[in-house]
Amino acid sequence: VDRSYFLVFLLIAPLIGGFVARRERVTFAAFALAIQ
C-alpha cells in the first residue's frame, strides 16, 4: 500500500467488465471501482 501509484491497476476489473458486459456497462464499472 505504500506504492499508491499502483492504484491504476484497480481499473483492470472495471474496464474488463465494462468491455465484455452486454448491459449496464457504466453501472458495473462505477460500482466495481468504488468497491475496490
PDB file of all heavy atoms in Angstrom:
ATOM      1  N   VAL A   1       0.808  -1.213   0.000  1.00  0.00           N
ATOM      2  CA  VAL A   1       0.000   0.000   0.000  1.00  0.00           C
ATOM      3  C   VAL A   1       0.846   1.270   0.000  1.00  0.00           C
ATOM      4  O   VAL A   1       0.323   2.357  -0.197  1.00  0.00           O
ATOM      5  CB  VAL A   1      -0.936   0.021   1.230  1.00  0.00           C
ATOM      6  CG1 VAL A   1      -1.951  -1.085   1.131  1.00  0.00           C
ATOM      7  CG2 VAL A   1      -0.131  -0.094   2.529  1.00  0.00           C
ATOM      8  N   ASP A   2       2.162   1.129   0.233  1.00  0.00           N
ATOM      9  CA  ASP A   2       2.997   2.327   0.185  1.00  0.00           C
ATOM     10  C   ASP A   2       3.225   2.801  -1.242  1.00  0.00           C
ATOM     11  O   ASP A   2       3.705   3.911  -1.463  1.00  0.00           O
ATOM     12  CB  ASP A   2       4.343   2.039   0.860  1.00  0.00           C
ATOM     13  CG  ASP A   2       5.068   0.857   0.223  1.00  0.00           C
ATOM     14  OD1 ASP A   2       4.403  -0.152  -0.032  1.00  0.00           O
ATOM     15  OD2 ASP A   2       6.286   0.960  -0.005  1.00  0.00           O
ATOM     16  N   ARG A   3       2.897   1.980  -2.225  1.00  0.00           N
ATOM     17  CA  ARG A   3       3.067   2.341  -3.633  1.00  0.00           C
ATOM     18  C   ARG A   3       1.714   2.760  -4.205  1.00  0.00           C
ATOM     19  O   ARG A   3       1.062   2.014  -4.911  1.00  0.00           O
ATOM     20  CB  ARG A   3       3.641   1.174  -4.426  1.00  0.00           C
ATOM     21  CG  ARG A   3       5.018   0.729  -3.916  1.00  0.00           C
ATOM     22  CD  ARG A   3       5.554  -0.407  -4.769  1.00  0.00           C
ATOM     23  NE  ARG A   3       6.877  -0.833  -4.315  1.00  0.00           N
ATOM     24  CZ  ARG A   3       7.585  -1.801  -4.901  1.00  0.00           C
ATOM     25  NH1 ARG A   3       7.099  -2.422  -5.958  1.00  0.00           N
ATOM     26  NH2 ARG A   3       8.770  -2.134  -4.436  1.00  0.00           N
ATOM     27  N   SER A   4       1.305   3.984  -3.893  1.00  0.00           N
ATOM     28  CA  SER A   4      -0.035   4.424  -4.260  1.00  0.00           C
ATOM     29  C   SER A   4      -0.227   4.514  -5.771  1.00  0.00           C
ATOM     30  O   SER A   4      -1.356   4.459  -6.246  1.00  0.00           O
ATOM     31  CB  SER A   4      -0.330   5.781  -3.618  1.00  0.00           C
ATOM     32  OG  SER A   4       0.632   6.738  -3.999  1.00  0.00           O
ATOM     33  N   TYR A   5       0.876   4.650  -6.519  1.00  0.00           N
ATOM     34  CA  TYR A   5       0.713   4.736  -7.971  1.00  0.00           C
ATOM     35  C   TYR A   5       0.248   3.410  -8.566  1.00  0.00           C
ATOM     36  O   TYR A   5      -0.178   3.356  -9.712  1.00  0.00           O
ATOM     37  CB  TYR A   5       2.014   5.180  -8.642  1.00  0.00           C
ATOM     38  CG  TYR A   5       3.229   4.346  -8.311  1.00  0.00           C
ATOM     39  CD1 TYR A   5       3.501   3.174  -9.017  1.00  0.00           C
ATOM     40  CD2 TYR A   5       4.111   4.737  -7.297  1.00  0.00           C
ATOM     41  CE1 TYR A   5       4.615   2.418  -8.728  1.00  0.00           C
ATOM     42  CE2 TYR A   5       5.234   3.972  -7.007  1.00  0.00           C
ATOM     43  CZ  TYR A   5       5.485   2.814  -7.715  1.00  0.00           C
ATOM     44  OH  TYR A   5       6.596   2.063  -7.415  1.00  0.00           O
ATOM     45  N   PHE A   6       0.323   2.331  -7.792  1.00  0.00           N
ATOM     46  CA  PHE A   6      -0.202   1.058  -8.265  1.00  0.00           C
ATOM     47  C   PHE A   6      -1.730   1.058  -8.320  1.00  0.00           C
ATOM     48  O   PHE A   6      -2.335   0.118  -8.826  1.00  0.00           O
ATOM     49  CB  PHE A   6       0.265  -0.083  -7.354  1.00  0.00           C
ATOM     50  CG  PHE A   6       1.639  -0.599  -7.690  1.00  0.00           C
ATOM     51  CD1 PHE A   6       2.462   0.073  -8.570  1.00  0.00           C
ATOM     52  CD2 PHE A   6       2.109  -1.769  -7.113  1.00  0.00           C
ATOM     53  CE1 PHE A   6       3.723  -0.390  -8.881  1.00  0.00           C
ATOM     54  CE2 PHE A   6       3.377  -2.252  -7.410  1.00  0.00           C
ATOM     55  CZ  PHE A   6       4.184  -1.559  -8.293  1.00  0.00           C
ATOM     56  N   LEU A   7      -2.360   2.116  -7.793  1.00  0.00           N
ATOM     57  CA  LEU A   7      -3.819   2.170  -7.797  1.00  0.00           C
ATOM     58  C   LEU A   7      -4.396   2.113  -9.205  1.00  0.00           C
ATOM     59  O   LEU A   7      -5.563   1.777  -9.376  1.00  0.00           O
ATOM     60  CB  LEU A   7      -4.288   3.458  -7.114  1.00  0.00           C
ATOM     61  CG  LEU A   7      -4.245   3.470  -5.589  1.00  0.00           C
ATOM     62  CD1 LEU A   7      -4.559   4.854  -5.065  1.00  0.00           C
ATOM     63  CD2 LEU A   7      -5.238   2.463  -5.028  1.00  0.00           C
ATOM     64  N   VAL A   8      -3.595   2.415 -10.196  1.00  0.00           N
ATOM     65  CA  VAL A   8      -4.086   2.365 -11.572  1.00  0.00           C
ATOM     66  C   VAL A   8      -4.572   0.965 -11.925  1.00  0.00           C
ATOM     67  O   VAL A   8      -5.462   0.799 -12.760  1.00  0.00           O
ATOM     68  CB  VAL A   8      -2.981   2.828 -12.561  1.00  0.00           C
ATOM     69  CG1 VAL A   8      -1.817   1.840 -12.583  1.00  0.00           C
ATOM     70  CG2 VAL A   8      -3.552   3.024 -13.956  1.00  0.00           C
ATOM     71  N   PHE A   9      -4.011  -0.059 -11.244  1.00  0.00           N
ATOM     72  CA  PHE A   9      -4.431  -1.427 -11.531  1.00  0.00           C
ATOM     73  C   PHE A   9      -5.855  -1.711 -11.056  1.00  0.00           C
ATOM     74  O   PHE A   9      -6.458  -2.712 -11.457  1.00  0.00           O
ATOM     75  CB  PHE A   9      -3.459  -2.430 -10.901  1.00  0.00           C
ATOM     76  CG  PHE A   9      -2.120  -2.469 -11.587  1.00  0.00           C
ATOM     77  CD1 PHE A   9      -0.996  -1.944 -10.980  1.00  0.00           C
ATOM     78  CD2 PHE A   9      -1.981  -3.028 -12.841  1.00  0.00           C
ATOM     79  CE1 PHE A   9       0.243  -1.969 -11.603  1.00  0.00           C
ATOM     80  CE2 PHE A   9      -0.754  -3.063 -13.487  1.00  0.00           C
ATOM     81  CZ  PHE A   9       0.368  -2.529 -12.866  1.00  0.00           C
ATOM     82  N   LEU A  10      -6.396  -0.836 -10.198  1.00  0.00           N
ATOM     83  CA  LEU A  10      -7.784  -1.003  -9.774  1.00  0.00           C
ATOM     84  C   LEU A  10      -8.747  -0.839 -10.950  1.00  0.00           C
ATOM     85  O   LEU A  10      -9.915  -1.198 -10.856  1.00  0.00           O
ATOM     86  CB  LEU A  10      -8.140   0.013  -8.688  1.00  0.00           C
ATOM     87  CG  LEU A  10      -7.539  -0.216  -7.301  1.00  0.00           C
ATOM     88  CD1 LEU A  10      -7.971   0.886  -6.360  1.00  0.00           C
ATOM     89  CD2 LEU A  10      -7.929  -1.567  -6.746  1.00  0.00           C
ATOM     90  N   LEU A  11      -8.245  -0.294 -12.051  1.00  0.00           N
ATOM     91  CA  LEU A  11      -9.086  -0.117 -13.233  1.00  0.00           C
ATOM     92  C   LEU A  11      -9.253  -1.407 -14.033  1.00  0.00           C
ATOM     93  O   LEU A  11     -10.102  -1.471 -14.920  1.00  0.00           O
ATOM     94  CB  LEU A  11      -8.483   0.964 -14.140  1.00  0.00           C
ATOM     95  CG  LEU A  11      -8.457   2.383 -13.582  1.00  0.00           C
ATOM     96  CD1 LEU A  11      -7.633   3.284 -14.500  1.00  0.00           C
ATOM     97  CD2 LEU A  11      -9.864   2.924 -13.425  1.00  0.00           C
ATOM     98  N   ILE A  12      -8.452  -2.427 -13.720  1.00  0.00           N
ATOM     99  CA  ILE A  12      -8.464  -3.653 -14.528  1.00  0.00           C
ATOM    100  C   ILE A  12      -9.842  -4.286 -14.564  1.00  0.00           C
ATOM    101  O   ILE A  12     -10.431  -4.496 -15.636  1.00  0.00           O
ATOM    102  CB  ILE A  12      -7.419  -4.658 -14.007  1.00  0.00           C
ATOM    103  CG1 ILE A  12      -6.007  -4.137 -14.245  1.00  0.00           C
ATOM    104  CG2 ILE A  12      -7.615  -6.021 -14.685  1.00  0.00           C
ATOM    105  CD1 ILE A  12      -4.920  -5.034 -13.685  1.00  0.00           C
ATOM    106  N   ALA A  13     -10.382  -4.655 -13.390  1.00  0.00           N
ATOM    107  CA  ALA A  13     -11.677  -5.337 -13.349  1.00  0.00           C
ATOM    108  C   ALA A  13     -12.808  -4.459 -13.881  1.00  0.00           C
ATOM    109  O   ALA A  13     -13.631  -4.943 -14.681  1.00  0.00           O
ATOM    110  CB  ALA A  13     -11.977  -5.814 -11.930  1.00  0.00           C
ATOM    111  N   PRO A  14     -12.908  -3.176 -13.478  1.00  0.00           N
ATOM    112  CA  PRO A  14     -13.974  -2.345 -14.049  1.00  0.00           C
ATOM    113  C   PRO A  14     -13.909  -2.228 -15.564  1.00  0.00           C
ATOM    114  O   PRO A  14     -14.943  -2.278 -16.237  1.00  0.00           O
ATOM    115  CB  PRO A  14     -13.742  -0.978 -13.378  1.00  0.00           C
ATOM    116  CG  PRO A  14     -13.068  -1.298 -12.097  1.00  0.00           C
ATOM    117  CD  PRO A  14     -12.181  -2.463 -12.409  1.00  0.00           C
ATOM    118  N   LEU A  15     -12.687  -2.080 -16.116  1.00  0.00           N
ATOM    119  CA  LEU A  15     -12.561  -1.934 -17.562  1.00  0.00           C
ATOM    120  C   LEU A  15     -12.873  -3.237 -18.294  1.00  0.00           C
ATOM    121  O   LEU A  15     -13.558  -3.231 -19.322  1.00  0.00           O
ATOM    122  CB  LEU A  15     -11.158  -1.452 -17.918  1.00  0.00           C
ATOM    123  CG  LEU A  15     -10.828  -0.005 -17.540  1.00  0.00           C
ATOM    124  CD1 LEU A  15      -9.385   0.335 -17.892  1.00  0.00           C
ATOM    125  CD2 LEU A  15     -11.794   0.962 -18.221  1.00  0.00           C
ATOM    126  N   ILE A  16     -12.369  -4.356 -17.750  1.00  0.00           N
ATOM    127  CA  ILE A  16     -12.663  -5.647 -18.386  1.00  0.00           C
ATOM    128  C   ILE A  16     -14.160  -5.920 -18.359  1.00  0.00           C
ATOM    129  O   ILE A  16     -14.768  -6.285 -19.367  1.00  0.00           O
ATOM    130  CB  ILE A  16     -11.900  -6.782 -17.687  1.00  0.00           C
ATOM    131  CG1 ILE A  16     -10.393  -6.666 -17.945  1.00  0.00           C
ATOM    132  CG2 ILE A  16     -12.420  -8.150 -18.152  1.00  0.00           C
ATOM    133  CD1 ILE A  16      -9.566  -7.701 -17.220  1.00  0.00           C
ATOM    134  N   GLY A  17     -14.763  -5.746 -17.162  1.00  0.00           N
ATOM    135  CA  GLY A  17     -16.195  -5.983 -17.038  1.00  0.00           C
ATOM    136  C   GLY A  17     -17.011  -5.047 -17.898  1.00  0.00           C
ATOM    137  O   GLY A  17     -17.978  -5.457 -18.557  1.00  0.00           O
ATOM    138  N   GLY A  18     -16.627  -3.767 -17.909  1.00  0.00           N
ATOM    139  CA  GLY A  18     -17.349  -2.804 -18.724  1.00  0.00           C
ATOM    140  C   GLY A  18     -17.247  -3.108 -20.212  1.00  0.00           C
ATOM    141  O   GLY A  18     -18.180  -2.842 -20.971  1.00  0.00           O
ATOM    142  N   PHE A  19     -16.114  -3.704 -20.619  1.00  0.00           N
ATOM    143  CA  PHE A  19     -15.911  -4.013 -22.036  1.00  0.00           C
ATOM    144  C   PHE A  19     -16.699  -5.246 -22.464  1.00  0.00           C
ATOM    145  O   PHE A  19     -17.301  -5.256 -23.543  1.00  0.00           O
ATOM    146  CB  PHE A  19     -14.427  -4.232 -22.311  1.00  0.00           C
ATOM    147  CG  PHE A  19     -14.118  -4.548 -23.748  1.00  0.00           C
ATOM    148  CD1 PHE A  19     -14.131  -3.545 -24.711  1.00  0.00           C
ATOM    149  CD2 PHE A  19     -13.822  -5.854 -24.136  1.00  0.00           C
ATOM    150  CE1 PHE A  19     -13.860  -3.843 -26.037  1.00  0.00           C
ATOM    151  CE2 PHE A  19     -13.545  -6.153 -25.455  1.00  0.00           C
ATOM    152  CZ  PHE A  19     -13.567  -5.144 -26.412  1.00  0.00           C
ATOM    153  N   VAL A  20     -16.713  -6.290 -21.626  1.00  0.00           N
ATOM    154  CA  VAL A  20     -17.353  -7.548 -22.036  1.00  0.00           C
ATOM    155  C   VAL A  20     -18.820  -7.627 -21.642  1.00  0.00           C
ATOM    156  O   VAL A  20     -19.540  -8.502 -22.115  1.00  0.00           O
ATOM    157  CB  VAL A  20     -16.590  -8.764 -21.459  1.00  0.00           C
ATOM    158  CG1 VAL A  20     -15.147  -8.753 -21.892  1.00  0.00           C
ATOM    159  CG2 VAL A  20     -16.689  -8.795 -19.933  1.00  0.00           C
ATOM    160  N   ALA A  21     -19.280  -6.727 -20.780  1.00  0.00           N
ATOM    161  CA  ALA A  21     -20.677  -6.767 -20.353  1.00  0.00           C
ATOM    162  C   ALA A  21     -21.610  -6.489 -21.528  1.00  0.00           C
ATOM    163  O   ALA A  21     -21.290  -5.691 -22.421  1.00  0.00           O
ATOM    164  CB  ALA A  21     -20.917  -5.745 -19.243  1.00  0.00           C
ATOM    165  N   ARG A  22     -22.745  -7.147 -21.511  1.00  0.00           N
ATOM    166  CA  ARG A  22     -23.732  -6.929 -22.557  1.00  0.00           C
ATOM    167  C   ARG A  22     -24.716  -5.819 -22.195  1.00  0.00           C
ATOM    168  O   ARG A  22     -25.457  -5.346 -23.058  1.00  0.00           O
ATOM    169  CB  ARG A  22     -24.502  -8.228 -22.802  1.00  0.00           C
ATOM    170  CG  ARG A  22     -23.643  -9.363 -23.370  1.00  0.00           C
ATOM    171  CD  ARG A  22     -24.439 -10.645 -23.457  1.00  0.00           C
ATOM    172  NE  ARG A  22     -23.636 -11.747 -23.983  1.00  0.00           N
ATOM    173  CZ  ARG A  22     -24.028 -13.016 -23.997  1.00  0.00           C
ATOM    174  NH1 ARG A  22     -25.230 -13.346 -23.529  1.00  0.00           N
ATOM    175  NH2 ARG A  22     -23.241 -13.969 -24.472  1.00  0.00           N
ATOM    176  N   ARG A  23     -24.731  -5.438 -20.905  1.00  0.00           N
ATOM    177  CA  ARG A  23     -25.617  -4.373 -20.439  1.00  0.00           C
ATOM    178  C   ARG A  23     -25.031  -3.767 -19.165  1.00  0.00           C
ATOM    179  O   ARG A  23     -24.149  -4.333 -18.550  1.00  0.00           O
ATOM    180  CB  ARG A  23     -27.017  -4.918 -20.159  1.00  0.00           C
ATOM    181  CG  ARG A  23     -27.041  -6.103 -19.197  1.00  0.00           C
ATOM    182  CD  ARG A  23     -28.445  -6.650 -19.034  1.00  0.00           C
ATOM    183  NE  ARG A  23     -28.460  -7.836 -18.213  1.00  0.00           N
ATOM    184  CZ  ARG A  23     -28.303  -9.075 -18.686  1.00  0.00           C
ATOM    185  NH1 ARG A  23     -28.114  -9.254 -19.994  1.00  0.00           N
ATOM    186  NH2 ARG A  23     -28.340 -10.120 -17.880  1.00  0.00           N
ATOM    187  N   GLU A  24     -25.524  -2.604 -18.823  1.00  0.00           N
ATOM    188  CA  GLU A  24     -25.137  -1.913 -17.583  1.00  0.00           C
ATOM    189  C   GLU A  24     -23.606  -1.784 -17.463  1.00  0.00           C
ATOM    190  O   GLU A  24     -23.036  -1.981 -16.385  1.00  0.00           O
ATOM    191  CB  GLU A  24     -25.704  -2.649 -16.359  1.00  0.00           C
ATOM    192  CG  GLU A  24     -27.212  -2.758 -16.329  1.00  0.00           C
ATOM    193  CD  GLU A  24     -27.906  -1.416 -16.078  1.00  0.00           C
ATOM    194  OE1 GLU A  24     -27.206  -0.431 -15.733  1.00  0.00           O
ATOM    195  OE2 GLU A  24     -29.136  -1.351 -16.238  1.00  0.00           O
ATOM    196  N   ARG A  25     -22.962  -1.416 -18.540  1.00  0.00           N
ATOM    197  CA  ARG A  25     -21.502  -1.333 -18.521  1.00  0.00           C
ATOM    198  C   ARG A  25     -21.002  -0.252 -17.557  1.00  0.00           C
ATOM    199  O   ARG A  25     -20.079  -0.481 -16.778  1.00  0.00           O
ATOM    200  CB  ARG A  25     -20.988  -1.054 -19.930  1.00  0.00           C
ATOM    201  CG  ARG A  25     -21.234  -2.205 -20.898  1.00  0.00           C
ATOM    202  CD  ARG A  25     -20.673  -1.902 -22.271  1.00  0.00           C
ATOM    203  NE  ARG A  25     -20.800  -3.055 -23.163  1.00  0.00           N
ATOM    204  CZ  ARG A  25     -20.362  -3.084 -24.405  1.00  0.00           C
ATOM    205  NH1 ARG A  25     -19.780  -1.996 -24.922  1.00  0.00           N
ATOM    206  NH2 ARG A  25     -20.499  -4.170 -25.145  1.00  0.00           N
ATOM    207  N   VAL A  26     -21.610   0.919 -17.632  1.00  0.00           N
ATOM    208  CA  VAL A  26     -21.188   2.020 -16.757  1.00  0.00           C
ATOM    209  C   VAL A  26     -21.504   1.682 -15.299  1.00  0.00           C
ATOM    210  O   VAL A  26     -20.708   1.967 -14.404  1.00  0.00           O
ATOM    211  CB  VAL A  26     -21.877   3.331 -17.173  1.00  0.00           C
ATOM    212  CG1 VAL A  26     -21.551   4.439 -16.178  1.00  0.00           C
ATOM    213  CG2 VAL A  26     -21.450   3.730 -18.586  1.00  0.00           C
ATOM    214  N   THR A  27     -22.648   1.059 -15.075  1.00  0.00           N
ATOM    215  CA  THR A  27     -23.037   0.669 -13.717  1.00  0.00           C
ATOM    216  C   THR A  27     -22.010  -0.281 -13.123  1.00  0.00           C
ATOM    217  O   THR A  27     -21.554  -0.098 -11.980  1.00  0.00           O
ATOM    218  CB  THR A  27     -24.415  -0.008 -13.718  1.00  0.00           C
ATOM    219  OG1 THR A  27     -25.396   0.906 -14.217  1.00  0.00           O
ATOM    220  CG2 THR A  27     -24.810  -0.446 -12.320  1.00  0.00           C
ATOM    221  N   PHE A  28     -21.635  -1.295 -13.890  1.00  0.00           N
ATOM    222  CA  PHE A  28     -20.649  -2.242 -13.385  1.00  0.00           C
ATOM    223  C   PHE A  28     -19.320  -1.557 -13.116  1.00  0.00           C
ATOM    224  O   PHE A  28     -18.717  -1.734 -12.053  1.00  0.00           O
ATOM    225  CB  PHE A  28     -20.429  -3.395 -14.366  1.00  0.00           C
ATOM    226  CG  PHE A  28     -19.312  -4.312 -13.933  1.00  0.00           C
ATOM    227  CD1 PHE A  28     -19.562  -5.320 -13.023  1.00  0.00           C
ATOM    228  CD2 PHE A  28     -18.008  -4.135 -14.396  1.00  0.00           C
ATOM    229  CE1 PHE A  28     -18.530  -6.148 -12.582  1.00  0.00           C
ATOM    230  CE2 PHE A  28     -16.986  -4.952 -13.967  1.00  0.00           C
ATOM    231  CZ  PHE A  28     -17.247  -5.965 -13.056  1.00  0.00           C
ATOM    232  N   ALA A  29     -18.841  -0.782 -14.066  1.00  0.00           N
ATOM    233  CA  ALA A  29     -17.536  -0.143 -13.922  1.00  0.00           C
ATOM    234  C   ALA A  29     -17.501   0.783 -12.713  1.00  0.00           C
ATOM    235  O   ALA A  29     -16.533   0.779 -11.938  1.00  0.00           O
ATOM    236  CB  ALA A  29     -17.190   0.629 -15.196  1.00  0.00           C
ATOM    237  N   ALA A  30     -18.562   1.568 -12.511  1.00  0.00           N
ATOM    238  CA  ALA A  30     -18.594   2.527 -11.403  1.00  0.00           C
ATOM    239  C   ALA A  30     -18.620   1.809 -10.056  1.00  0.00           C
ATOM    240  O   ALA A  30     -17.854   2.154  -9.141  1.00  0.00           O
ATOM    241  CB  ALA A  30     -19.810   3.436 -11.541  1.00  0.00           C
ATOM    242  N   PHE A  31     -19.484   0.814  -9.919  1.00  0.00           N
ATOM    243  CA  PHE A  31     -19.584   0.093  -8.648  1.00  0.00           C
ATOM    244  C   PHE A  31     -18.331  -0.732  -8.372  1.00  0.00           C
ATOM    245  O   PHE A  31     -17.856  -0.798  -7.234  1.00  0.00           O
ATOM    246  CB  PHE A  31     -20.827  -0.798  -8.625  1.00  0.00           C
ATOM    247  CG  PHE A  31     -22.068  -0.109  -8.146  1.00  0.00           C
ATOM    248  CD1 PHE A  31     -22.898   0.557  -9.027  1.00  0.00           C
ATOM    249  CD2 PHE A  31     -22.406  -0.124  -6.803  1.00  0.00           C
ATOM    250  CE1 PHE A  31     -24.042   1.207  -8.597  1.00  0.00           C
ATOM    251  CE2 PHE A  31     -23.548   0.513  -6.341  1.00  0.00           C
ATOM    252  CZ  PHE A  31     -24.375   1.185  -7.241  1.00  0.00           C
ATOM    253  N   ALA A  32     -17.791  -1.387  -9.403  1.00  0.00           N
ATOM    254  CA  ALA A  32     -16.590  -2.203  -9.210  1.00  0.00           C
ATOM    255  C   ALA A  32     -15.420  -1.342  -8.750  1.00  0.00           C
ATOM    256  O   ALA A  32     -14.652  -1.721  -7.853  1.00  0.00           O
ATOM    257  CB  ALA A  32     -16.236  -2.935 -10.501  1.00  0.00           C
ATOM    258  N   LEU A  33     -15.275  -0.168  -9.356  1.00  0.00           N
ATOM    259  CA  LEU A  33     -14.192   0.725  -8.968  1.00  0.00           C
ATOM    260  C   LEU A  33     -14.390   1.227  -7.535  1.00  0.00           C
ATOM    261  O   LEU A  33     -13.434   1.281  -6.746  1.00  0.00           O
ATOM    262  CB  LEU A  33     -14.117   1.906  -9.928  1.00  0.00           C
ATOM    263  CG  LEU A  33     -12.945   2.879  -9.714  1.00  0.00           C
ATOM    264  CD1 LEU A  33     -11.610   2.147  -9.844  1.00  0.00           C
ATOM    265  CD2 LEU A  33     -13.029   4.031 -10.717  1.00  0.00           C
ATOM    266  N   ALA A  34     -15.628   1.582  -7.197  1.00  0.00           N
ATOM    267  CA  ALA A  34     -15.917   2.062  -5.845  1.00  0.00           C
ATOM    268  C   ALA A  34     -15.627   0.983  -4.803  1.00  0.00           C
ATOM    269  O   ALA A  34     -15.068   1.265  -3.732  1.00  0.00           O
ATOM    270  CB  ALA A  34     -17.367   2.513  -5.745  1.00  0.00           C
ATOM    271  N   ILE A  35     -15.994  -0.255  -5.093  1.00  0.00           N
ATOM    272  CA  ILE A  35     -15.751  -1.360  -4.165  1.00  0.00           C
ATOM    273  C   ILE A  35     -14.261  -1.521  -3.904  1.00  0.00           C
ATOM    274  O   ILE A  35     -13.813  -1.637  -2.750  1.00  0.00           O
ATOM    275  CB  ILE A  35     -16.338  -2.671  -4.731  1.00  0.00           C
ATOM    276  CG1 ILE A  35     -17.869  -2.649  -4.666  1.00  0.00           C
ATOM    277  CG2 ILE A  35     -15.799  -3.891  -3.965  1.00  0.00           C
ATOM    278  CD1 ILE A  35     -18.523  -3.784  -5.430  1.00  0.00           C
ATOM    279  N   GLN A  36     -13.475  -1.522  -4.965  1.00  0.00           N
ATOM    280  CA  GLN A  36     -12.042  -1.755  -4.803  1.00  0.00           C
ATOM    281  C   GLN A  36     -11.341  -0.576  -4.134  1.00  0.00           C
ATOM    282  O   GLN A  36     -10.434  -0.767  -3.315  1.00  0.00           O
ATOM    283  CB  GLN A  36     -11.420  -2.067  -6.170  1.00  0.00           C
ATOM    284  CG  GLN A  36     -11.892  -3.401  -6.730  1.00  0.00           C
ATOM    285  CD  GLN A  36     -11.093  -3.815  -7.945  1.00  0.00           C
ATOM    286  OE1 GLN A  36     -10.241  -4.695  -7.887  1.00  0.00           O
ATOM    287  NE2 GLN A  36     -11.373  -3.161  -9.061  1.00  0.00           N
TER     288      GLN A  36
END
